[in-house]
Amino acid sequence: EVMRILESKSIPYELVDISVGNEVREEMRS
């Protein structure tokens, strides 16, 4: 839903997949 709404409003965004490693998940949480 977030992706759909951003796209419908023509708002560019970058996806960051936290499943690639614990460091990325911890970065998001921090």
PDB file of all heavy atoms in Angstrom:
ATOM      1  N   GLU A   1       0.828  -1.212   0.000  1.00  0.00           N
ATOM      2  CA  GLU A   1       0.000   0.000   0.000  1.00  0.00           C
ATOM      3  C   GLU A   1       0.857   1.255   0.000  1.00  0.00           C
ATOM      4  O   GLU A   1       0.571   2.210  -0.728  1.00  0.00           O
ATOM      5  CB  GLU A   1      -0.952   0.013   1.200  1.00  0.00           C
ATOM      6  CG  GLU A   1      -1.885   1.202   1.140  1.00  0.00           C
ATOM      7  CD  GLU A   1      -2.953   1.192   2.217  1.00  0.00           C
ATOM      8  OE1 GLU A   1      -3.138   0.176   2.910  1.00  0.00           O
ATOM      9  OE2 GLU A   1      -3.605   2.240   2.362  1.00  0.00           O
ATOM     10  N   VAL A   2       1.922   1.288   0.795  1.00  0.00           N
ATOM     11  CA  VAL A   2       2.813   2.451   0.820  1.00  0.00           C
ATOM     12  C   VAL A   2       3.410   2.667  -0.571  1.00  0.00           C
ATOM     13  O   VAL A   2       3.407   3.788  -1.099  1.00  0.00           O
ATOM     14  CB  VAL A   2       3.929   2.301   1.881  1.00  0.00           C
ATOM     15  CG1 VAL A   2       4.971   3.404   1.734  1.00  0.00           C
ATOM     16  CG2 VAL A   2       3.342   2.310   3.289  1.00  0.00           C
ATOM     17  N   MET A   3       3.898   1.589  -1.195  1.00  0.00           N
ATOM     18  CA  MET A   3       4.485   1.700  -2.537  1.00  0.00           C
ATOM     19  C   MET A   3       3.458   2.206  -3.541  1.00  0.00           C
ATOM     20  O   MET A   3       3.751   3.080  -4.357  1.00  0.00           O
ATOM     21  CB  MET A   3       5.037   0.343  -2.989  1.00  0.00           C
ATOM     22  CG  MET A   3       6.277  -0.096  -2.251  1.00  0.00           C
ATOM     23  SD  MET A   3       6.828  -1.714  -2.870  1.00  0.00           S
ATOM     24  CE  MET A   3       7.456  -2.446  -1.374  1.00  0.00           C
ATOM     25  N   ARG A   4       2.252   1.662  -3.483  1.00  0.00           N
ATOM     26  CA  ARG A   4       1.196   2.064  -4.415  1.00  0.00           C
ATOM     27  C   ARG A   4       0.868   3.545  -4.266  1.00  0.00           C
ATOM     28  O   ARG A   4       0.740   4.275  -5.258  1.00  0.00           O
ATOM     29  CB  ARG A   4      -0.057   1.212  -4.171  1.00  0.00           C
ATOM     30  CG  ARG A   4      -1.196   1.510  -5.121  1.00  0.00           C
ATOM     31  CD  ARG A   4      -2.456   0.717  -4.783  1.00  0.00           C
ATOM     32  NE  ARG A   4      -2.925   0.918  -3.419  1.00  0.00           N
ATOM     33  CZ  ARG A   4      -3.587   2.008  -2.997  1.00  0.00           C
ATOM     34  NH1 ARG A   4      -3.831   3.005  -3.826  1.00  0.00           N
ATOM     35  NH2 ARG A   4      -4.004   2.099  -1.753  1.00  0.00           N
ATOM     36  N   ILE A   5       0.755   4.013  -3.037  1.00  0.00           N
ATOM     37  CA  ILE A   5       0.408   5.424  -2.799  1.00  0.00           C
ATOM     38  C   ILE A   5       1.546   6.339  -3.257  1.00  0.00           C
ATOM     39  O   ILE A   5       1.304   7.362  -3.905  1.00  0.00           O
ATOM     40  CB  ILE A   5       0.039   5.658  -1.321  1.00  0.00           C
ATOM     41  CG1 ILE A   5      -1.301   4.961  -1.027  1.00  0.00           C
ATOM     42  CG2 ILE A   5      -0.029   7.148  -0.997  1.00  0.00           C
ATOM     43  CD1 ILE A   5      -1.665   4.861   0.431  1.00  0.00           C
ATOM     44  N   LEU A   6       2.794   5.980  -2.939  1.00  0.00           N
ATOM     45  CA  LEU A   6       3.928   6.800  -3.377  1.00  0.00           C
ATOM     46  C   LEU A   6       3.949   6.883  -4.906  1.00  0.00           C
ATOM     47  O   LEU A   6       4.149   7.961  -5.474  1.00  0.00           O
ATOM     48  CB  LEU A   6       5.249   6.241  -2.846  1.00  0.00           C
ATOM     49  CG  LEU A   6       5.477   6.359  -1.337  1.00  0.00           C
ATOM     50  CD1 LEU A   6       6.749   5.630  -0.935  1.00  0.00           C
ATOM     51  CD2 LEU A   6       5.527   7.812  -0.893  1.00  0.00           C
ATOM     52  N   GLU A   7       3.735   5.750  -5.557  1.00  0.00           N
ATOM     53  CA  GLU A   7       3.731   5.728  -7.028  1.00  0.00           C
ATOM     54  C   GLU A   7       2.568   6.545  -7.586  1.00  0.00           C
ATOM     55  O   GLU A   7       2.731   7.282  -8.560  1.00  0.00           O
ATOM     56  CB  GLU A   7       3.696   4.289  -7.534  1.00  0.00           C
ATOM     57  CG  GLU A   7       5.032   3.593  -7.326  1.00  0.00           C
ATOM     58  CD  GLU A   7       4.980   2.079  -7.474  1.00  0.00           C
ATOM     59  OE1 GLU A   7       3.939   1.535  -7.906  1.00  0.00           O
ATOM     60  OE2 GLU A   7       5.988   1.440  -7.137  1.00  0.00           O
ATOM     61  N   SER A   8       1.401   6.446  -6.966  1.00  0.00           N
ATOM     62  CA  SER A   8       0.233   7.182  -7.467  1.00  0.00           C
ATOM     63  C   SER A   8       0.423   8.686  -7.328  1.00  0.00           C
ATOM     64  O   SER A   8      -0.161   9.457  -8.082  1.00  0.00           O
ATOM     65  CB  SER A   8      -1.046   6.740  -6.746  1.00  0.00           C
ATOM     66  OG  SER A   8      -1.090   7.261  -5.431  1.00  0.00           O
ATOM     67  N   LYS A   9       1.249   9.102  -6.380  1.00  0.00           N
ATOM     68  CA  LYS A   9       1.524  10.525  -6.176  1.00  0.00           C
ATOM     69  C   LYS A   9       2.803  10.949  -6.893  1.00  0.00           C
ATOM     70  O   LYS A   9       3.282  12.058  -6.703  1.00  0.00           O
ATOM     71  CB  LYS A   9       1.617  10.835  -4.676  1.00  0.00           C
ATOM     72  CG  LYS A   9       0.295  10.642  -3.944  1.00  0.00           C
ATOM     73  CD  LYS A   9       0.389  11.083  -2.507  1.00  0.00           C
ATOM     74  CE  LYS A   9      -0.949  10.989  -1.801  1.00  0.00           C
ATOM     75  NZ  LYS A   9      -1.943  11.935  -2.295  1.00  0.00           N
ATOM     76  N   SER A  10       3.374  10.039  -7.690  1.00  0.00           N
ATOM     77  CA  SER A  10       4.615  10.298  -8.438  1.00  0.00           C
ATOM     78  C   SER A  10       5.752  10.756  -7.529  1.00  0.00           C
ATOM     79  O   SER A  10       6.517  11.658  -7.877  1.00  0.00           O
ATOM     80  CB  SER A  10       4.368  11.329  -9.550  1.00  0.00           C
ATOM     81  OG  SER A  10       3.404  10.837 -10.450  1.00  0.00           O
ATOM     82  N   ILE A  11       5.842  10.128  -6.362  1.00  0.00           N
ATOM     83  CA  ILE A  11       6.920  10.435  -5.421  1.00  0.00           C
ATOM     84  C   ILE A  11       7.993   9.359  -5.586  1.00  0.00           C
ATOM     85  O   ILE A  11       7.744   8.183  -5.305  1.00  0.00           O
ATOM     86  CB  ILE A  11       6.404  10.458  -3.968  1.00  0.00           C
ATOM     87  CG1 ILE A  11       5.360  11.571  -3.814  1.00  0.00           C
ATOM     88  CG2 ILE A  11       7.564  10.648  -2.985  1.00  0.00           C
ATOM     89  CD1 ILE A  11       4.621  11.557  -2.490  1.00  0.00           C
ATOM     90  N   PRO A  12       9.176   9.748  -6.067  1.00  0.00           N
ATOM     91  CA  PRO A  12      10.239   8.751  -6.221  1.00  0.00           C
ATOM     92  C   PRO A  12      10.713   8.274  -4.851  1.00  0.00           C
ATOM     93  O   PRO A  12      10.752   9.040  -3.888  1.00  0.00           O
ATOM     94  CB  PRO A  12      11.342   9.503  -6.964  1.00  0.00           C
ATOM     95  CG  PRO A  12      11.060  10.945  -6.745  1.00  0.00           C
ATOM     96  CD  PRO A  12       9.591  11.081  -6.452  1.00  0.00           C
ATOM     97  N   TYR A  13      11.053   6.984  -4.783  1.00  0.00           N
ATOM     98  CA  TYR A  13      11.528   6.436  -3.511  1.00  0.00           C
ATOM     99  C   TYR A  13      12.523   5.322  -3.787  1.00  0.00           C
ATOM    100  O   TYR A  13      12.555   4.739  -4.863  1.00  0.00           O
ATOM    101  CB  TYR A  13      10.369   5.930  -2.655  1.00  0.00           C
ATOM    102  CG  TYR A  13       9.570   4.809  -3.281  1.00  0.00           C
ATOM    103  CD1 TYR A  13       9.856   3.476  -2.989  1.00  0.00           C
ATOM    104  CD2 TYR A  13       8.528   5.078  -4.168  1.00  0.00           C
ATOM    105  CE1 TYR A  13       9.126   2.456  -3.570  1.00  0.00           C
ATOM    106  CE2 TYR A  13       7.800   4.059  -4.747  1.00  0.00           C
ATOM    107  CZ  TYR A  13       8.096   2.748  -4.439  1.00  0.00           C
ATOM    108  OH  TYR A  13       7.378   1.735  -5.010  1.00  0.00           O
ATOM    109  N   GLU A  14      13.333   5.073  -2.768  1.00  0.00           N
ATOM    110  CA  GLU A  14      14.330   4.005  -2.829  1.00  0.00           C
ATOM    111  C   GLU A  14      13.891   2.909  -1.872  1.00  0.00           C
ATOM    112  O   GLU A  14      13.511   3.187  -0.732  1.00  0.00           O
ATOM    113  CB  GLU A  14      15.686   4.569  -2.401  1.00  0.00           C
ATOM    114  CG  GLU A  14      16.780   3.541  -2.279  1.00  0.00           C
ATOM    115  CD  GLU A  14      18.064   4.111  -1.674  1.00  0.00           C
ATOM    116  OE1 GLU A  14      18.193   5.344  -1.568  1.00  0.00           O
ATOM    117  OE2 GLU A  14      18.921   3.303  -1.292  1.00  0.00           O
ATOM    118  N   LEU A  15      13.944   1.667  -2.339  1.00  0.00           N
ATOM    119  CA  LEU A  15      13.619   0.536  -1.476  1.00  0.00           C
ATOM    120  C   LEU A  15      14.885   0.034  -0.792  1.00  0.00           C
ATOM    121  O   LEU A  15      15.925  -0.120  -1.434  1.00  0.00           O
ATOM    122  CB  LEU A  15      13.018  -0.604  -2.301  1.00  0.00           C
ATOM    123  CG  LEU A  15      11.624  -0.350  -2.866  1.00  0.00           C
ATOM    124  CD1 LEU A  15      11.224  -1.474  -3.807  1.00  0.00           C
ATOM    125  CD2 LEU A  15      10.609  -0.210  -1.748  1.00  0.00           C
ATOM    126  N   VAL A  16      14.784  -0.224   0.512  1.00  0.00           N
ATOM    127  CA  VAL A  16      15.896  -0.786   1.267  1.00  0.00           C
ATOM    128  C   VAL A  16      15.372  -2.067   1.917  1.00  0.00           C
ATOM    129  O   VAL A  16      14.521  -2.023   2.805  1.00  0.00           O
ATOM    130  CB  VAL A  16      16.414   0.194   2.349  1.00  0.00           C
ATOM    131  CG1 VAL A  16      17.588  -0.415   3.094  1.00  0.00           C
ATOM    132  CG2 VAL A  16      16.799   1.525   1.725  1.00  0.00           C
ATOM    133  N   ASP A  17      15.863  -3.208   1.442  1.00  0.00           N
ATOM    134  CA  ASP A  17      15.386  -4.518   1.902  1.00  0.00           C
ATOM    135  C   ASP A  17      16.147  -4.937   3.156  1.00  0.00           C
ATOM    136  O   ASP A  17      17.343  -5.202   3.105  1.00  0.00           O
ATOM    137  CB  ASP A  17      15.582  -5.546   0.789  1.00  0.00           C
ATOM    138  CG  ASP A  17      14.987  -6.906   1.127  1.00  0.00           C
ATOM    139  OD1 ASP A  17      14.469  -7.084   2.260  1.00  0.00           O
ATOM    140  OD2 ASP A  17      15.049  -7.786   0.261  1.00  0.00           O
ATOM    141  N   ILE A  18      15.442  -5.003   4.292  1.00  0.00           N
ATOM    142  CA  ILE A  18      16.107  -5.351   5.550  1.00  0.00           C
ATOM    143  C   ILE A  18      16.405  -6.851   5.659  1.00  0.00           C
ATOM    144  O   ILE A  18      17.137  -7.261   6.544  1.00  0.00           O
ATOM    145  CB  ILE A  18      15.312  -4.893   6.786  1.00  0.00           C
ATOM    146  CG1 ILE A  18      14.017  -5.683   6.939  1.00  0.00           C
ATOM    147  CG2 ILE A  18      15.075  -3.394   6.756  1.00  0.00           C
ATOM    148  CD1 ILE A  18      13.402  -5.592   8.317  1.00  0.00           C
ATOM    149  N   SER A  19      15.859  -7.648   4.739  1.00  0.00           N
ATOM    150  CA  SER A  19      16.099  -9.096   4.828  1.00  0.00           C
ATOM    151  C   SER A  19      17.491  -9.485   4.327  1.00  0.00           C
ATOM    152  O   SER A  19      17.890 -10.634   4.467  1.00  0.00           O
ATOM    153  CB  SER A  19      15.025  -9.872   4.058  1.00  0.00           C
ATOM    154  OG  SER A  19      15.144  -9.648   2.672  1.00  0.00           O
ATOM    155  N   VAL A  20      18.239  -8.525   3.765  1.00  0.00           N
ATOM    156  CA  VAL A  20      19.579  -8.849   3.259  1.00  0.00           C
ATOM    157  C   VAL A  20      20.591  -9.037   4.389  1.00  0.00           C
ATOM    158  O   VAL A  20      21.649  -9.606   4.167  1.00  0.00           O
ATOM    159  CB  VAL A  20      20.113  -7.800   2.256  1.00  0.00           C
ATOM    160  CG1 VAL A  20      19.225  -7.729   1.029  1.00  0.00           C
ATOM    161  CG2 VAL A  20      20.265  -6.443   2.892  1.00  0.00           C
ATOM    162  N   GLY A  21      20.271  -8.564   5.587  1.00  0.00           N
ATOM    163  CA  GLY A  21      21.196  -8.764   6.694  1.00  0.00           C
ATOM    164  C   GLY A  21      20.765  -8.034   7.948  1.00  0.00           C
ATOM    165  O   GLY A  21      20.026  -7.053   7.892  1.00  0.00           O
ATOM    166  N   ASN A  22      21.263  -8.531   9.082  1.00  0.00           N
ATOM    167  CA  ASN A  22      20.928  -7.929  10.374  1.00  0.00           C
ATOM    168  C   ASN A  22      21.355  -6.472  10.458  1.00  0.00           C
ATOM    169  O   ASN A  22      20.695  -5.670  11.118  1.00  0.00           O
ATOM    170  CB  ASN A  22      21.573  -8.713  11.527  1.00  0.00           C
ATOM    171  CG  ASN A  22      20.793  -9.961  11.871  1.00  0.00           C
ATOM    172  OD1 ASN A  22      19.620 -10.085  11.516  1.00  0.00           O
ATOM    173  ND2 ASN A  22      21.442 -10.878  12.567  1.00  0.00           N
ATOM    174  N   GLU A  23      22.477  -6.130   9.786  1.00  0.00           N
ATOM    175  CA  GLU A  23      22.983  -4.759   9.870  1.00  0.00           C
ATOM    176  C   GLU A  23      21.942  -3.777   9.339  1.00  0.00           C
ATOM    177  O   GLU A  23      21.752  -2.691   9.899  1.00  0.00           O
ATOM    178  CB  GLU A  23      24.275  -4.555   9.066  1.00  0.00           C
ATOM    179  CG  GLU A  23      25.282  -5.672   9.074  1.00  0.00           C
ATOM    180  CD  GLU A  23      24.919  -6.854   8.170  1.00  0.00           C
ATOM    181  OE1 GLU A  23      24.559  -6.671   6.989  1.00  0.00           O
ATOM    182  OE2 GLU A  23      24.995  -7.982   8.669  1.00  0.00           O
ATOM    183  N   VAL A  24      21.290  -4.139   8.250  1.00  0.00           N
ATOM    184  CA  VAL A  24      20.309  -3.239   7.631  1.00  0.00           C
ATOM    185  C   VAL A  24      19.090  -3.099   8.537  1.00  0.00           C
ATOM    186  O   VAL A  24      18.558  -1.999   8.724  1.00  0.00           O
ATOM    187  CB  VAL A  24      19.903  -3.726   6.220  1.00  0.00           C
ATOM    188  CG1 VAL A  24      18.927  -2.764   5.571  1.00  0.00           C
ATOM    189  CG2 VAL A  24      21.127  -3.898   5.343  1.00  0.00           C
ATOM    190  N   ARG A  25      18.636  -4.207   9.132  1.00  0.00           N
ATOM    191  CA  ARG A  25      17.496  -4.152  10.058  1.00  0.00           C
ATOM    192  C   ARG A  25      17.837  -3.285  11.264  1.00  0.00           C
ATOM    193  O   ARG A  25      17.044  -2.438  11.691  1.00  0.00           O
ATOM    194  CB  ARG A  25      17.066  -5.550  10.499  1.00  0.00           C
ATOM    195  CG  ARG A  25      15.823  -5.512  11.399  1.00  0.00           C
ATOM    196  CD  ARG A  25      15.316  -6.883  11.796  1.00  0.00           C
ATOM    197  NE  ARG A  25      16.298  -7.582  12.598  1.00  0.00           N
ATOM    198  CZ  ARG A  25      16.838  -8.758  12.280  1.00  0.00           C
ATOM    199  NH1 ARG A  25      16.483  -9.356  11.162  1.00  0.00           N
ATOM    200  NH2 ARG A  25      17.708  -9.327  13.066  1.00  0.00           N
ATOM    201  N   GLU A  26      19.036  -3.478  11.810  1.00  0.00           N
ATOM    202  CA  GLU A  26      19.451  -2.693  12.973  1.00  0.00           C
ATOM    203  C   GLU A  26      19.607  -1.218  12.615  1.00  0.00           C
ATOM    204  O   GLU A  26      19.297  -0.344  13.422  1.00  0.00           O
ATOM    205  CB  GLU A  26      20.740  -3.252  13.572  1.00  0.00           C
ATOM    206  CG  GLU A  26      20.569  -4.646  14.191  1.00  0.00           C
ATOM    207  CD  GLU A  26      19.381  -4.739  15.153  1.00  0.00           C
ATOM    208  OE1 GLU A  26      19.202  -3.835  15.998  1.00  0.00           O
ATOM    209  OE2 GLU A  26      18.612  -5.724  15.055  1.00  0.00           O
ATOM    210  N   GLU A  27      20.084  -0.938  11.396  1.00  0.00           N
ATOM    211  CA  GLU A  27      20.190   0.450  10.924  1.00  0.00           C
ATOM    212  C   GLU A  27      18.808   1.096  10.891  1.00  0.00           C
ATOM    213  O   GLU A  27      18.624   2.219  11.359  1.00  0.00           O
ATOM    214  CB  GLU A  27      20.809   0.459   9.528  1.00  0.00           C
ATOM    215  CG  GLU A  27      20.787   1.800   8.823  1.00  0.00           C
ATOM    216  CD  GLU A  27      21.234   1.669   7.372  1.00  0.00           C
ATOM    217  OE1 GLU A  27      22.376   1.212   7.133  1.00  0.00           O
ATOM    218  OE2 GLU A  27      20.441   2.015   6.481  1.00  0.00           O
ATOM    219  N   MET A  28      17.812   0.378  10.350  1.00  0.00           N
ATOM    220  CA  MET A  28      16.445   0.885  10.295  1.00  0.00           C
ATOM    221  C   MET A  28      15.930   1.174  11.698  1.00  0.00           C
ATOM    222  O   MET A  28      15.384   2.247  11.963  1.00  0.00           O
ATOM    223  CB  MET A  28      15.519  -0.131   9.610  1.00  0.00           C
ATOM    224  CG  MET A  28      14.046   0.244   9.632  1.00  0.00           C
ATOM    225  SD  MET A  28      12.932  -1.120   9.201  1.00  0.00           S
ATOM    226  CE  MET A  28      12.977  -2.109  10.704  1.00  0.00           C
ATOM    227  N   ARG A  29      16.124   0.240  12.611  1.00  0.00           N
ATOM    228  CA  ARG A  29      15.619   0.398  13.977  1.00  0.00           C
ATOM    229  C   ARG A  29      16.330   1.537  14.699  1.00  0.00           C
ATOM    230  O   ARG A  29      15.697   2.297  15.431  1.00  0.00           O
ATOM    231  CB  ARG A  29      15.779  -0.920  14.741  1.00  0.00           C
ATOM    232  CG  ARG A  29      14.814  -1.973  14.242  1.00  0.00           C
ATOM    233  CD  ARG A  29      14.994  -3.299  14.909  1.00  0.00           C
ATOM    234  NE  ARG A  29      13.890  -4.192  14.551  1.00  0.00           N
ATOM    235  CZ  ARG A  29      13.860  -5.466  14.837  1.00  0.00           C
ATOM    236  NH1 ARG A  29      14.870  -6.036  15.489  1.00  0.00           N
ATOM    237  NH2 ARG A  29      12.828  -6.204  14.484  1.00  0.00           N
ATOM    238  N   SER A  30      17.625   1.658  14.475  1.00  0.00           N
ATOM    239  CA  SER A  30      18.394   2.732  15.103  1.00  0.00           C
ATOM    240  C   SER A  30      17.915   4.093  14.599  1.00  0.00           C
ATOM    241  O   SER A  30      17.668   5.013  15.384  1.00  0.00           O
ATOM    242  CB  SER A  30      19.879   2.538  14.799  1.00  0.00           C
ATOM    243  OG  SER A  30      20.621   3.649  15.247  1.00  0.00           O
TER     244      SER A  30
END
